[in-house]
């Protein structure tokens, strides 16, 4: 089946520069510039969070043409943990098995971005429909032979705990099970993700 580990958490923001400054201050870490997602109108900054995972701060690229950005960025009024990714080593197989188990994780897409040092990163992902868990259910990502972003992301933070909230945790648990993924999900009025990080500035909660 292949391994299922947290690849990264997506902290989405309507304005990248002030969020990067504020989050860097809260974490006590200077976030690493990731690069631009050509064709999506977004760019990112990164922080490693241990165990080969990273935090991605994602926002609109002010120098890019107008696009409809992913992860609900167009409707954001403040930063939030929008979704998360699970790393797989056989994306096509993982998608096929999830569908056989009753959950469609989305079509497979190829993507890329160029790092600040010129290195091209290429990956494939399967991203579900926007209403499929409202971010609490992860998308799947396969980096193939590409360098993993966590290796060059700003060090210093560590993920201590991670979980979700949803009005119907039973539905979310069924989708997670189809993906072969574990995540504690509690009942609450609206979908949300919560992560606690150990950082040079102390423990920081993101939601």
N, C-alpha and C. Protein backbone atom coordinates (compact mmCIF):
# COMPACT_ATOMS: atom_id res chain seq x y z
N UNK A 1 0.83 -1.21 0.00
CA UNK A 1 0.00 0.00 0.00
C UNK A 1 0.86 1.25 0.00
N UNK A 2 2.10 1.17 0.50
CA UNK A 2 2.92 2.38 0.55
C UNK A 2 2.68 3.14 1.83
N UNK A 3 3.62 3.98 2.19
CA UNK A 3 3.51 4.67 3.45
C UNK A 3 2.60 5.89 3.35
N UNK A 4 2.01 6.24 4.50
CA UNK A 4 1.16 7.42 4.59
C UNK A 4 1.72 8.28 5.72
N UNK A 5 2.35 9.39 5.38
CA UNK A 5 2.88 10.30 6.38
C UNK A 5 2.46 11.72 6.01
N UNK A 6 2.43 12.57 7.02
CA UNK A 6 2.15 13.98 6.75
C UNK A 6 3.25 14.54 5.87
N UNK A 7 2.88 15.10 4.74
CA UNK A 7 3.86 15.74 3.87
C UNK A 7 3.98 17.22 4.23
N UNK A 8 2.85 17.92 4.25
CA UNK A 8 2.90 19.32 4.68
C UNK A 8 1.52 19.83 5.07
N UNK A 9 1.54 20.89 5.84
CA UNK A 9 0.32 21.61 6.24
C UNK A 9 0.27 22.89 5.42
N UNK A 10 -0.92 23.24 4.95
CA UNK A 10 -1.08 24.43 4.13
C UNK A 10 -1.73 25.54 4.96
N UNK A 11 -0.95 26.57 5.24
CA UNK A 11 -1.44 27.74 5.96
C UNK A 11 -1.69 28.83 4.92
N UNK A 12 -2.95 29.01 4.56
CA UNK A 12 -3.30 29.90 3.45
C UNK A 12 -3.61 31.30 3.97
N UNK A 13 -3.27 32.28 3.17
CA UNK A 13 -3.46 33.68 3.57
C UNK A 13 -3.85 34.55 2.38
N UNK A 14 -4.67 35.57 2.59
CA UNK A 14 -5.02 36.47 1.49
C UNK A 14 -3.89 37.44 1.15
N UNK A 15 -2.95 37.66 2.10
CA UNK A 15 -1.82 38.57 1.86
C UNK A 15 -0.56 37.91 2.40
N UNK A 16 0.32 37.54 1.50
CA UNK A 16 1.46 36.71 1.88
C UNK A 16 2.49 37.46 2.73
N UNK A 17 2.91 38.63 2.30
CA UNK A 17 4.01 39.33 2.97
C UNK A 17 3.74 39.59 4.45
N UNK A 18 2.61 40.19 4.83
CA UNK A 18 2.39 40.43 6.27
C UNK A 18 2.23 39.15 7.07
N UNK A 19 1.65 38.11 6.45
CA UNK A 19 1.49 36.85 7.16
C UNK A 19 2.84 36.21 7.42
N UNK A 20 3.74 36.25 6.43
CA UNK A 20 5.08 35.68 6.61
C UNK A 20 5.82 36.41 7.72
N UNK A 21 5.71 37.73 7.76
CA UNK A 21 6.36 38.50 8.82
C UNK A 21 5.80 38.14 10.19
N UNK A 22 4.46 38.10 10.29
CA UNK A 22 3.82 37.82 11.58
C UNK A 22 4.10 36.40 12.04
N UNK A 23 3.99 35.45 11.12
CA UNK A 23 4.20 34.06 11.50
C UNK A 23 5.66 33.81 11.87
N UNK A 24 6.58 34.42 11.13
CA UNK A 24 7.98 34.29 11.48
C UNK A 24 8.28 34.79 12.87
N UNK A 25 7.63 35.90 13.25
CA UNK A 25 7.80 36.44 14.60
C UNK A 25 7.22 35.48 15.64
N UNK A 26 6.05 34.93 15.36
CA UNK A 26 5.41 34.02 16.31
C UNK A 26 6.22 32.73 16.50
N UNK A 27 6.78 32.24 15.42
CA UNK A 27 7.53 30.99 15.47
C UNK A 27 8.97 31.17 15.92
N UNK A 28 9.49 32.39 15.78
CA UNK A 28 10.90 32.61 16.03
C UNK A 28 11.76 31.98 14.95
N UNK A 29 11.21 31.90 13.74
CA UNK A 29 11.88 31.26 12.61
C UNK A 29 11.72 32.16 11.39
N UNK A 30 12.79 32.36 10.66
CA UNK A 30 12.70 33.11 9.41
C UNK A 30 12.33 32.16 8.28
N UNK A 31 11.11 32.28 7.78
CA UNK A 31 10.60 31.35 6.78
C UNK A 31 11.41 31.42 5.49
N UNK A 32 11.57 30.27 4.85
CA UNK A 32 12.32 30.17 3.62
C UNK A 32 11.41 30.43 2.42
N UNK A 33 11.85 31.28 1.51
CA UNK A 33 11.08 31.51 0.28
C UNK A 33 11.06 30.23 -0.54
N UNK A 34 9.86 29.79 -0.95
CA UNK A 34 9.74 28.57 -1.73
C UNK A 34 9.83 28.84 -3.22
N UNK A 35 8.87 29.58 -3.73
CA UNK A 35 8.85 29.89 -5.16
C UNK A 35 7.44 30.14 -5.64
N UNK A 36 7.32 30.38 -6.93
CA UNK A 36 6.04 30.71 -7.54
C UNK A 36 5.43 29.48 -8.20
N UNK A 37 4.10 29.36 -8.09
CA UNK A 37 3.36 28.31 -8.78
C UNK A 37 2.81 28.92 -10.07
N UNK A 38 3.58 28.75 -11.14
CA UNK A 38 3.20 29.35 -12.42
C UNK A 38 1.89 28.73 -12.91
N UNK A 39 0.96 29.59 -13.30
CA UNK A 39 -0.34 29.13 -13.77
C UNK A 39 -1.40 29.11 -12.70
N UNK A 40 -0.99 29.21 -11.42
CA UNK A 40 -1.95 29.23 -10.32
C UNK A 40 -2.06 30.61 -9.68
N UNK A 41 -1.04 31.44 -9.89
CA UNK A 41 -1.07 32.77 -9.31
C UNK A 41 -0.76 32.79 -7.83
N UNK A 42 0.00 31.79 -7.35
CA UNK A 42 0.34 31.72 -5.94
C UNK A 42 1.85 31.57 -5.76
N UNK A 43 2.31 31.81 -4.54
CA UNK A 43 3.71 31.56 -4.17
C UNK A 43 3.72 31.16 -2.70
N UNK A 44 4.88 30.65 -2.22
CA UNK A 44 4.88 30.13 -0.86
C UNK A 44 6.18 30.41 -0.12
N UNK A 45 6.09 30.26 1.19
CA UNK A 45 7.23 30.29 2.10
C UNK A 45 7.11 29.05 2.99
N UNK A 46 8.26 28.52 3.46
CA UNK A 46 8.25 27.22 4.10
C UNK A 46 8.99 27.22 5.44
N UNK A 47 8.55 26.31 6.31
CA UNK A 47 9.27 26.01 7.56
C UNK A 47 9.19 24.51 7.80
N UNK A 48 10.31 23.88 8.08
CA UNK A 48 10.32 22.46 8.41
C UNK A 48 9.67 22.26 9.77
N UNK A 49 8.92 21.15 9.92
CA UNK A 49 8.24 20.88 11.19
C UNK A 49 8.56 19.47 11.71
N UNK A 50 9.66 18.90 11.23
CA UNK A 50 10.11 17.61 11.73
C UNK A 50 9.57 16.42 10.96
N UNK A 51 10.27 15.29 11.05
CA UNK A 51 9.86 14.02 10.43
C UNK A 51 9.65 14.14 8.93
N UNK A 52 10.44 15.01 8.29
CA UNK A 52 10.34 15.16 6.85
C UNK A 52 9.12 15.91 6.37
N UNK A 53 8.43 16.61 7.27
CA UNK A 53 7.24 17.39 6.92
C UNK A 53 7.57 18.89 6.98
N UNK A 54 6.68 19.70 6.41
CA UNK A 54 6.91 21.14 6.45
C UNK A 54 5.59 21.90 6.49
N UNK A 55 5.67 23.13 6.92
CA UNK A 55 4.56 24.07 6.91
C UNK A 55 4.70 24.94 5.68
N UNK A 56 3.67 24.98 4.86
CA UNK A 56 3.66 25.84 3.67
C UNK A 56 2.75 27.03 3.91
N UNK A 57 3.30 28.22 3.84
CA UNK A 57 2.49 29.44 3.91
C UNK A 57 2.23 29.86 2.47
N UNK A 58 0.98 29.79 2.08
CA UNK A 58 0.60 29.96 0.68
C UNK A 58 -0.29 31.18 0.51
N UNK A 59 0.04 32.02 -0.47
CA UNK A 59 -0.78 33.19 -0.73
C UNK A 59 -0.68 33.62 -2.17
N UNK A 60 -1.46 34.62 -2.56
CA UNK A 60 -1.43 35.12 -3.93
C UNK A 60 -0.07 35.73 -4.28
N UNK A 61 0.37 35.47 -5.50
CA UNK A 61 1.59 36.08 -6.02
C UNK A 61 1.22 37.47 -6.56
N UNK A 62 1.70 38.54 -5.93
CA UNK A 62 1.29 39.88 -6.36
C UNK A 62 1.75 40.23 -7.76
N UNK A 63 2.74 39.51 -8.29
CA UNK A 63 3.26 39.82 -9.62
C UNK A 63 2.68 38.93 -10.71
N UNK A 64 1.77 38.03 -10.34
CA UNK A 64 1.21 37.10 -11.32
C UNK A 64 -0.09 37.65 -11.88
N UNK A 65 -0.45 37.24 -13.11
CA UNK A 65 -1.76 37.60 -13.66
C UNK A 65 -2.87 37.04 -12.78
N UNK A 66 -4.06 37.58 -12.93
CA UNK A 66 -5.20 37.14 -12.12
C UNK A 66 -5.54 35.68 -12.41
N UNK A 67 -5.72 34.89 -11.36
CA UNK A 67 -6.11 33.50 -11.47
C UNK A 67 -7.15 33.20 -10.39
N UNK A 68 -7.76 32.04 -10.49
CA UNK A 68 -8.59 31.54 -9.41
C UNK A 68 -7.72 30.59 -8.59
N UNK A 69 -7.21 31.04 -7.44
CA UNK A 69 -6.23 30.25 -6.70
C UNK A 69 -6.87 29.07 -5.99
N UNK A 70 -6.06 28.06 -5.61
CA UNK A 70 -6.59 26.88 -4.92
C UNK A 70 -6.80 27.12 -3.43
N UNK A 71 -7.35 26.10 -2.77
CA UNK A 71 -7.51 26.06 -1.31
C UNK A 71 -8.39 27.19 -0.76
N UNK A 72 -9.31 27.69 -1.58
CA UNK A 72 -10.22 28.72 -1.12
C UNK A 72 -9.58 30.06 -0.86
N UNK A 73 -8.41 30.32 -1.45
CA UNK A 73 -7.71 31.58 -1.22
C UNK A 73 -8.54 32.79 -1.62
N UNK A 74 -9.34 32.62 -2.69
CA UNK A 74 -10.10 33.76 -3.19
C UNK A 74 -11.10 34.29 -2.16
N UNK A 75 -11.57 33.42 -1.27
CA UNK A 75 -12.57 33.85 -0.29
C UNK A 75 -12.02 34.12 1.10
N UNK A 76 -10.70 34.03 1.26
CA UNK A 76 -10.11 34.22 2.59
C UNK A 76 -10.08 35.69 2.99
N UNK A 77 -10.35 35.94 4.27
CA UNK A 77 -10.21 37.28 4.82
C UNK A 77 -9.11 37.33 5.88
N UNK A 78 -8.65 36.16 6.33
CA UNK A 78 -7.56 36.07 7.29
C UNK A 78 -6.86 34.74 7.13
N UNK A 79 -5.62 34.63 7.62
CA UNK A 79 -4.89 33.36 7.46
C UNK A 79 -5.56 32.22 8.22
N UNK A 80 -5.42 31.00 7.67
CA UNK A 80 -5.96 29.82 8.35
C UNK A 80 -5.28 28.57 7.82
N UNK A 81 -5.27 27.53 8.65
CA UNK A 81 -4.85 26.21 8.17
C UNK A 81 -5.95 25.71 7.24
N UNK A 82 -5.66 25.68 5.95
CA UNK A 82 -6.70 25.40 4.97
C UNK A 82 -6.84 23.92 4.65
N UNK A 83 -5.73 23.21 4.63
CA UNK A 83 -5.76 21.78 4.32
C UNK A 83 -4.39 21.19 4.63
N UNK A 84 -4.22 19.92 4.27
CA UNK A 84 -2.94 19.26 4.49
C UNK A 84 -2.74 18.20 3.43
N UNK A 85 -1.49 17.76 3.30
CA UNK A 85 -1.14 16.77 2.28
C UNK A 85 -0.53 15.55 2.92
N UNK A 86 -0.85 14.39 2.36
CA UNK A 86 -0.26 13.13 2.77
C UNK A 86 0.63 12.63 1.65
N UNK A 87 1.84 12.21 1.99
CA UNK A 87 2.81 11.75 1.00
C UNK A 87 2.59 10.27 0.70
N UNK A 88 2.58 9.94 -0.57
CA UNK A 88 2.49 8.55 -1.01
C UNK A 88 3.60 8.29 -2.02
N UNK A 89 3.96 7.02 -2.17
CA UNK A 89 5.01 6.66 -3.11
C UNK A 89 4.45 6.08 -4.41
N UNK A 90 3.14 5.82 -4.44
CA UNK A 90 2.47 5.30 -5.63
C UNK A 90 1.12 5.99 -5.72
N UNK A 91 1.10 7.17 -6.32
CA UNK A 91 -0.11 7.99 -6.33
C UNK A 91 -1.25 7.31 -7.08
N UNK A 92 -0.97 6.77 -8.25
CA UNK A 92 -2.03 6.12 -9.03
C UNK A 92 -2.65 4.97 -8.25
N UNK A 93 -1.80 4.18 -7.60
CA UNK A 93 -2.31 3.07 -6.81
C UNK A 93 -3.13 3.53 -5.62
N UNK A 94 -2.66 4.60 -4.96
CA UNK A 94 -3.39 5.13 -3.81
C UNK A 94 -4.76 5.65 -4.21
N UNK A 95 -4.83 6.33 -5.35
CA UNK A 95 -6.12 6.83 -5.84
C UNK A 95 -7.05 5.67 -6.18
N UNK A 96 -6.53 4.66 -6.84
CA UNK A 96 -7.34 3.50 -7.23
C UNK A 96 -7.90 2.79 -6.00
N UNK A 97 -7.06 2.60 -4.98
CA UNK A 97 -7.52 1.92 -3.78
C UNK A 97 -8.56 2.75 -3.02
N UNK A 98 -8.38 4.06 -2.97
CA UNK A 98 -9.35 4.92 -2.28
C UNK A 98 -10.70 4.86 -2.99
N UNK A 99 -10.69 4.89 -4.31
CA UNK A 99 -11.95 4.80 -5.06
C UNK A 99 -12.64 3.47 -4.83
N UNK A 100 -11.84 2.40 -4.77
CA UNK A 100 -12.42 1.08 -4.52
C UNK A 100 -13.04 1.01 -3.13
N UNK A 101 -12.52 1.83 -2.20
CA UNK A 101 -13.04 1.88 -0.84
C UNK A 101 -14.18 2.88 -0.67
N UNK A 102 -14.58 3.53 -1.78
CA UNK A 102 -15.74 4.40 -1.73
C UNK A 102 -15.47 5.88 -1.63
N UNK A 103 -14.21 6.29 -1.80
CA UNK A 103 -13.89 7.72 -1.73
C UNK A 103 -13.02 8.10 -2.92
N UNK A 104 -13.39 9.19 -3.60
CA UNK A 104 -12.63 9.67 -4.74
C UNK A 104 -11.74 10.83 -4.31
N UNK A 105 -10.42 10.63 -4.28
CA UNK A 105 -9.52 11.71 -3.86
C UNK A 105 -9.22 12.73 -4.94
N UNK A 106 -9.83 12.60 -6.11
CA UNK A 106 -9.65 13.59 -7.16
C UNK A 106 -8.76 13.09 -8.28
N UNK A 107 -8.75 13.86 -9.36
CA UNK A 107 -7.93 13.51 -10.51
C UNK A 107 -6.46 13.82 -10.24
N UNK A 108 -5.59 13.05 -10.85
CA UNK A 108 -4.15 13.25 -10.69
C UNK A 108 -3.69 14.39 -11.60
N UNK A 109 -2.92 15.31 -11.02
CA UNK A 109 -2.40 16.45 -11.77
C UNK A 109 -0.89 16.55 -11.56
N UNK A 110 -0.21 16.98 -12.59
CA UNK A 110 1.23 17.22 -12.51
C UNK A 110 1.48 18.70 -12.29
N UNK A 111 2.40 19.02 -11.36
CA UNK A 111 2.68 20.41 -11.04
C UNK A 111 4.18 20.60 -10.86
N UNK A 112 4.61 21.85 -10.83
CA UNK A 112 6.03 22.16 -10.63
C UNK A 112 6.18 23.59 -10.14
N UNK A 113 7.33 23.87 -9.57
CA UNK A 113 7.73 25.24 -9.24
C UNK A 113 9.25 25.28 -9.20
N UNK A 114 9.80 26.44 -9.42
CA UNK A 114 11.25 26.59 -9.39
C UNK A 114 11.66 27.29 -8.09
N UNK A 115 12.59 26.67 -7.37
CA UNK A 115 13.07 27.27 -6.13
C UNK A 115 13.85 28.54 -6.40
N UNK A 116 14.11 29.28 -5.33
CA UNK A 116 14.87 30.52 -5.45
C UNK A 116 16.27 30.29 -6.02
N UNK A 117 16.82 29.08 -5.78
CA UNK A 117 18.17 28.78 -6.29
C UNK A 117 18.14 28.21 -7.71
N UNK A 118 16.97 28.16 -8.32
CA UNK A 118 16.85 27.71 -9.69
C UNK A 118 16.50 26.25 -9.87
N UNK A 119 16.52 25.46 -8.78
CA UNK A 119 16.19 24.04 -8.88
C UNK A 119 14.70 23.86 -9.14
N UNK A 120 14.37 23.03 -10.12
CA UNK A 120 12.97 22.77 -10.48
C UNK A 120 12.44 21.60 -9.66
N UNK A 121 11.35 21.83 -8.95
CA UNK A 121 10.66 20.78 -8.21
C UNK A 121 9.44 20.34 -9.01
N UNK A 122 9.25 19.04 -9.13
CA UNK A 122 8.10 18.50 -9.86
C UNK A 122 7.40 17.46 -9.01
N UNK A 123 6.09 17.48 -9.03
CA UNK A 123 5.34 16.53 -8.24
C UNK A 123 3.99 16.26 -8.90
N UNK A 124 3.32 15.23 -8.39
CA UNK A 124 1.96 14.93 -8.81
C UNK A 124 1.08 14.89 -7.58
N UNK A 125 -0.16 15.33 -7.74
CA UNK A 125 -1.07 15.30 -6.61
C UNK A 125 -2.48 14.94 -7.07
N UNK A 126 -3.26 14.50 -6.10
CA UNK A 126 -4.69 14.27 -6.30
C UNK A 126 -5.42 15.11 -5.27
N UNK A 127 -6.19 16.09 -5.76
CA UNK A 127 -6.86 17.04 -4.87
C UNK A 127 -8.36 16.83 -4.98
N UNK A 128 -9.06 16.62 -3.85
CA UNK A 128 -10.50 16.34 -3.89
C UNK A 128 -11.33 17.58 -4.18
N UNK A 129 -12.60 17.36 -4.41
CA UNK A 129 -13.53 18.48 -4.59
C UNK A 129 -13.54 19.35 -3.34
N UNK A 130 -13.78 20.68 -3.50
CA UNK A 130 -13.67 21.59 -2.36
C UNK A 130 -14.54 21.23 -1.17
N UNK A 131 -15.71 20.63 -1.40
CA UNK A 131 -16.61 20.34 -0.27
C UNK A 131 -16.35 18.97 0.35
N UNK A 132 -15.32 18.28 -0.08
CA UNK A 132 -15.05 16.93 0.42
C UNK A 132 -14.25 17.00 1.72
N UNK A 133 -14.91 17.44 2.78
CA UNK A 133 -14.26 17.55 4.08
C UNK A 133 -13.77 18.93 4.41
N UNK A 134 -13.90 19.86 3.46
CA UNK A 134 -13.51 21.25 3.69
C UNK A 134 -12.10 21.39 4.26
N UNK A 135 -11.17 20.60 3.69
CA UNK A 135 -9.77 20.71 4.09
C UNK A 135 -9.35 19.74 5.17
N UNK A 136 -10.30 19.17 5.91
CA UNK A 136 -9.95 18.23 6.97
C UNK A 136 -9.46 16.91 6.37
N UNK A 137 -10.02 16.53 5.22
CA UNK A 137 -9.53 15.37 4.48
C UNK A 137 -8.35 15.82 3.62
N UNK A 138 -7.21 15.14 3.71
CA UNK A 138 -6.03 15.63 3.00
C UNK A 138 -6.06 15.33 1.51
N UNK A 139 -5.20 16.02 0.77
CA UNK A 139 -4.93 15.60 -0.60
C UNK A 139 -3.67 14.75 -0.61
N UNK A 140 -3.48 14.00 -1.68
CA UNK A 140 -2.36 13.08 -1.81
C UNK A 140 -1.29 13.70 -2.70
N UNK A 141 -0.03 13.48 -2.35
CA UNK A 141 1.06 14.04 -3.14
C UNK A 141 2.18 13.02 -3.28
N UNK A 142 2.79 13.00 -4.45
CA UNK A 142 3.89 12.09 -4.77
C UNK A 142 5.00 12.92 -5.40
N UNK A 143 6.15 13.00 -4.72
CA UNK A 143 7.26 13.82 -5.19
C UNK A 143 8.17 13.06 -6.16
N UNK A 144 7.97 11.77 -6.32
CA UNK A 144 8.81 11.02 -7.24
C UNK A 144 10.28 11.17 -6.89
N UNK A 145 11.08 11.54 -7.88
CA UNK A 145 12.52 11.71 -7.66
C UNK A 145 12.91 13.16 -7.36
N UNK A 146 11.93 14.04 -7.21
CA UNK A 146 12.22 15.45 -6.97
C UNK A 146 12.72 15.67 -5.54
N UNK A 147 13.61 16.64 -5.33
CA UNK A 147 14.01 16.97 -3.96
C UNK A 147 12.79 17.36 -3.12
N UNK A 148 12.76 16.92 -1.87
CA UNK A 148 11.61 17.26 -1.03
C UNK A 148 11.80 18.64 -0.42
N UNK A 149 10.75 19.47 -0.42
CA UNK A 149 10.89 20.84 0.09
C UNK A 149 11.32 20.94 1.55
N UNK A 150 11.02 19.93 2.36
CA UNK A 150 11.39 20.02 3.78
C UNK A 150 12.88 20.11 3.98
N UNK A 151 13.66 19.56 3.03
CA UNK A 151 15.12 19.55 3.18
C UNK A 151 15.71 20.95 3.14
N UNK A 152 15.06 21.86 2.41
CA UNK A 152 15.57 23.22 2.31
C UNK A 152 14.75 24.23 3.06
N UNK A 153 13.76 23.77 3.85
CA UNK A 153 12.89 24.68 4.59
C UNK A 153 13.54 25.13 5.88
N UNK A 154 13.15 26.30 6.36
CA UNK A 154 13.71 26.86 7.59
C UNK A 154 13.55 25.88 8.75
N UNK A 155 14.64 25.54 9.46
CA UNK A 155 14.55 24.62 10.59
C UNK A 155 14.14 25.34 11.87
N UNK A 156 13.86 24.55 12.91
CA UNK A 156 13.63 25.12 14.22
C UNK A 156 12.29 24.78 14.84
N UNK A 157 11.29 24.40 14.02
CA UNK A 157 9.96 24.09 14.55
C UNK A 157 9.72 22.59 14.49
N UNK A 158 8.82 22.12 15.35
CA UNK A 158 8.47 20.70 15.38
C UNK A 158 6.97 20.57 15.63
N UNK A 159 6.32 19.72 14.84
CA UNK A 159 4.89 19.48 15.00
C UNK A 159 4.66 18.58 16.22
N UNK A 160 3.91 19.09 17.20
CA UNK A 160 3.63 18.32 18.42
C UNK A 160 2.31 17.58 18.32
N UNK A 161 1.29 18.23 17.77
CA UNK A 161 -0.02 17.59 17.64
C UNK A 161 -0.76 18.19 16.46
N UNK A 162 -1.66 17.38 15.89
CA UNK A 162 -2.39 17.80 14.71
C UNK A 162 -3.72 17.06 14.68
N UNK A 163 -4.80 17.79 14.48
CA UNK A 163 -6.12 17.17 14.44
C UNK A 163 -7.12 18.04 13.72
N UNK A 164 -8.33 17.49 13.57
CA UNK A 164 -9.38 18.20 12.85
C UNK A 164 -10.67 18.30 13.65
N UNK A 165 -11.52 19.20 13.18
CA UNK A 165 -12.86 19.39 13.74
C UNK A 165 -13.83 19.38 12.57
N UNK A 166 -14.99 18.76 12.76
CA UNK A 166 -15.97 18.71 11.68
C UNK A 166 -17.36 18.42 12.26
N UNK A 167 -18.42 18.98 11.65
CA UNK A 167 -19.77 18.70 12.15
C UNK A 167 -20.15 17.22 12.04
N UNK A 168 -19.54 16.49 11.08
CA UNK A 168 -19.81 15.07 10.90
C UNK A 168 -18.51 14.28 10.91
N UNK A 169 -17.92 14.08 12.06
CA UNK A 169 -16.64 13.36 12.11
C UNK A 169 -16.73 11.93 11.60
N UNK A 170 -17.93 11.34 11.66
CA UNK A 170 -18.08 9.98 11.14
C UNK A 170 -17.85 9.93 9.63
N UNK A 171 -18.35 10.93 8.91
CA UNK A 171 -18.15 10.99 7.47
C UNK A 171 -16.66 11.20 7.14
N UNK A 172 -16.02 12.06 7.90
CA UNK A 172 -14.60 12.33 7.68
C UNK A 172 -13.78 11.08 7.96
N UNK A 173 -14.10 10.38 9.03
CA UNK A 173 -13.35 9.18 9.39
C UNK A 173 -13.45 8.13 8.30
N UNK A 174 -14.61 8.02 7.65
CA UNK A 174 -14.78 7.05 6.56
C UNK A 174 -13.88 7.41 5.38
N UNK A 175 -13.77 8.69 5.06
CA UNK A 175 -12.91 9.12 3.96
C UNK A 175 -11.44 8.92 4.30
N UNK A 176 -11.08 9.22 5.54
CA UNK A 176 -9.70 9.00 5.97
C UNK A 176 -9.34 7.53 5.90
N UNK A 177 -10.28 6.67 6.31
CA UNK A 177 -10.03 5.23 6.28
C UNK A 177 -9.82 4.75 4.85
N UNK A 178 -10.58 5.30 3.90
CA UNK A 178 -10.42 4.92 2.50
C UNK A 178 -9.04 5.31 1.97
N UNK A 179 -8.47 6.38 2.54
CA UNK A 179 -7.13 6.83 2.14
C UNK A 179 -6.03 6.10 2.91
N UNK A 180 -6.41 5.35 3.94
CA UNK A 180 -5.40 4.71 4.78
C UNK A 180 -4.70 5.70 5.68
N UNK A 181 -5.42 6.73 6.10
CA UNK A 181 -4.84 7.84 6.87
C UNK A 181 -5.48 7.91 8.25
N UNK A 182 -4.68 8.24 9.24
CA UNK A 182 -5.19 8.44 10.60
C UNK A 182 -5.12 9.91 10.97
N UNK A 183 -6.19 10.44 11.54
CA UNK A 183 -6.23 11.82 12.05
C UNK A 183 -7.31 11.89 13.10
N UNK A 184 -7.01 12.38 14.32
CA UNK A 184 -8.07 12.57 15.30
C UNK A 184 -9.00 13.70 14.85
N UNK A 185 -10.30 13.40 14.78
CA UNK A 185 -11.30 14.39 14.36
C UNK A 185 -12.40 14.43 15.40
N UNK A 186 -12.65 15.61 15.95
CA UNK A 186 -13.70 15.80 16.93
C UNK A 186 -14.87 16.56 16.31
N UNK A 187 -16.01 16.48 16.97
CA UNK A 187 -17.21 17.15 16.46
C UNK A 187 -17.18 18.62 16.83
N UNK A 188 -17.55 19.47 15.89
CA UNK A 188 -17.60 20.91 16.13
C UNK A 188 -18.49 21.57 15.11
N UNK A 189 -18.80 22.85 15.30
CA UNK A 189 -19.78 23.53 14.45
C UNK A 189 -19.32 23.75 13.02
N UNK A 190 -18.00 23.82 12.77
CA UNK A 190 -17.52 24.08 11.42
C UNK A 190 -16.18 23.37 11.20
N UNK A 191 -15.87 23.01 9.96
CA UNK A 191 -14.62 22.31 9.68
C UNK A 191 -13.42 23.17 10.03
N UNK A 192 -12.40 22.55 10.63
CA UNK A 192 -11.19 23.28 10.98
C UNK A 192 -10.06 22.28 11.22
N UNK A 193 -8.84 22.78 11.09
CA UNK A 193 -7.65 22.02 11.44
C UNK A 193 -6.92 22.76 12.55
N UNK A 194 -6.25 22.02 13.43
CA UNK A 194 -5.50 22.63 14.51
C UNK A 194 -4.16 21.92 14.64
N UNK A 195 -3.09 22.71 14.66
CA UNK A 195 -1.74 22.17 14.81
C UNK A 195 -1.04 22.92 15.93
N UNK A 196 -0.30 22.19 16.74
CA UNK A 196 0.52 22.79 17.79
C UNK A 196 1.97 22.51 17.45
N UNK A 197 2.77 23.57 17.41
CA UNK A 197 4.18 23.48 17.05
C UNK A 197 5.06 23.87 18.24
N UNK A 198 6.14 23.13 18.43
CA UNK A 198 7.18 23.57 19.35
C UNK A 198 8.16 24.41 18.53
N UNK A 199 8.44 25.62 18.98
CA UNK A 199 9.26 26.54 18.20
C UNK A 199 10.26 27.25 19.11
N UNK A 200 11.24 27.95 18.54
CA UNK A 200 12.16 28.72 19.36
C UNK A 200 11.47 29.80 20.19
N UNK A 201 10.25 30.18 19.80
CA UNK A 201 9.49 31.20 20.53
C UNK A 201 8.49 30.57 21.50
N UNK A 202 8.53 29.26 21.66
CA UNK A 202 7.57 28.56 22.53
C UNK A 202 6.54 27.81 21.70
N UNK A 203 5.55 27.21 22.37
CA UNK A 203 4.51 26.48 21.67
C UNK A 203 3.57 27.46 20.96
N UNK A 204 3.24 27.13 19.71
CA UNK A 204 2.39 27.99 18.89
C UNK A 204 1.27 27.12 18.31
N UNK A 205 0.04 27.58 18.44
CA UNK A 205 -1.10 26.87 17.85
C UNK A 205 -1.54 27.58 16.57
N UNK A 206 -1.73 26.81 15.52
CA UNK A 206 -2.25 27.32 14.26
C UNK A 206 -3.60 26.65 13.99
N UNK A 207 -4.54 27.42 13.47
CA UNK A 207 -5.84 26.85 13.12
C UNK A 207 -6.42 27.61 11.93
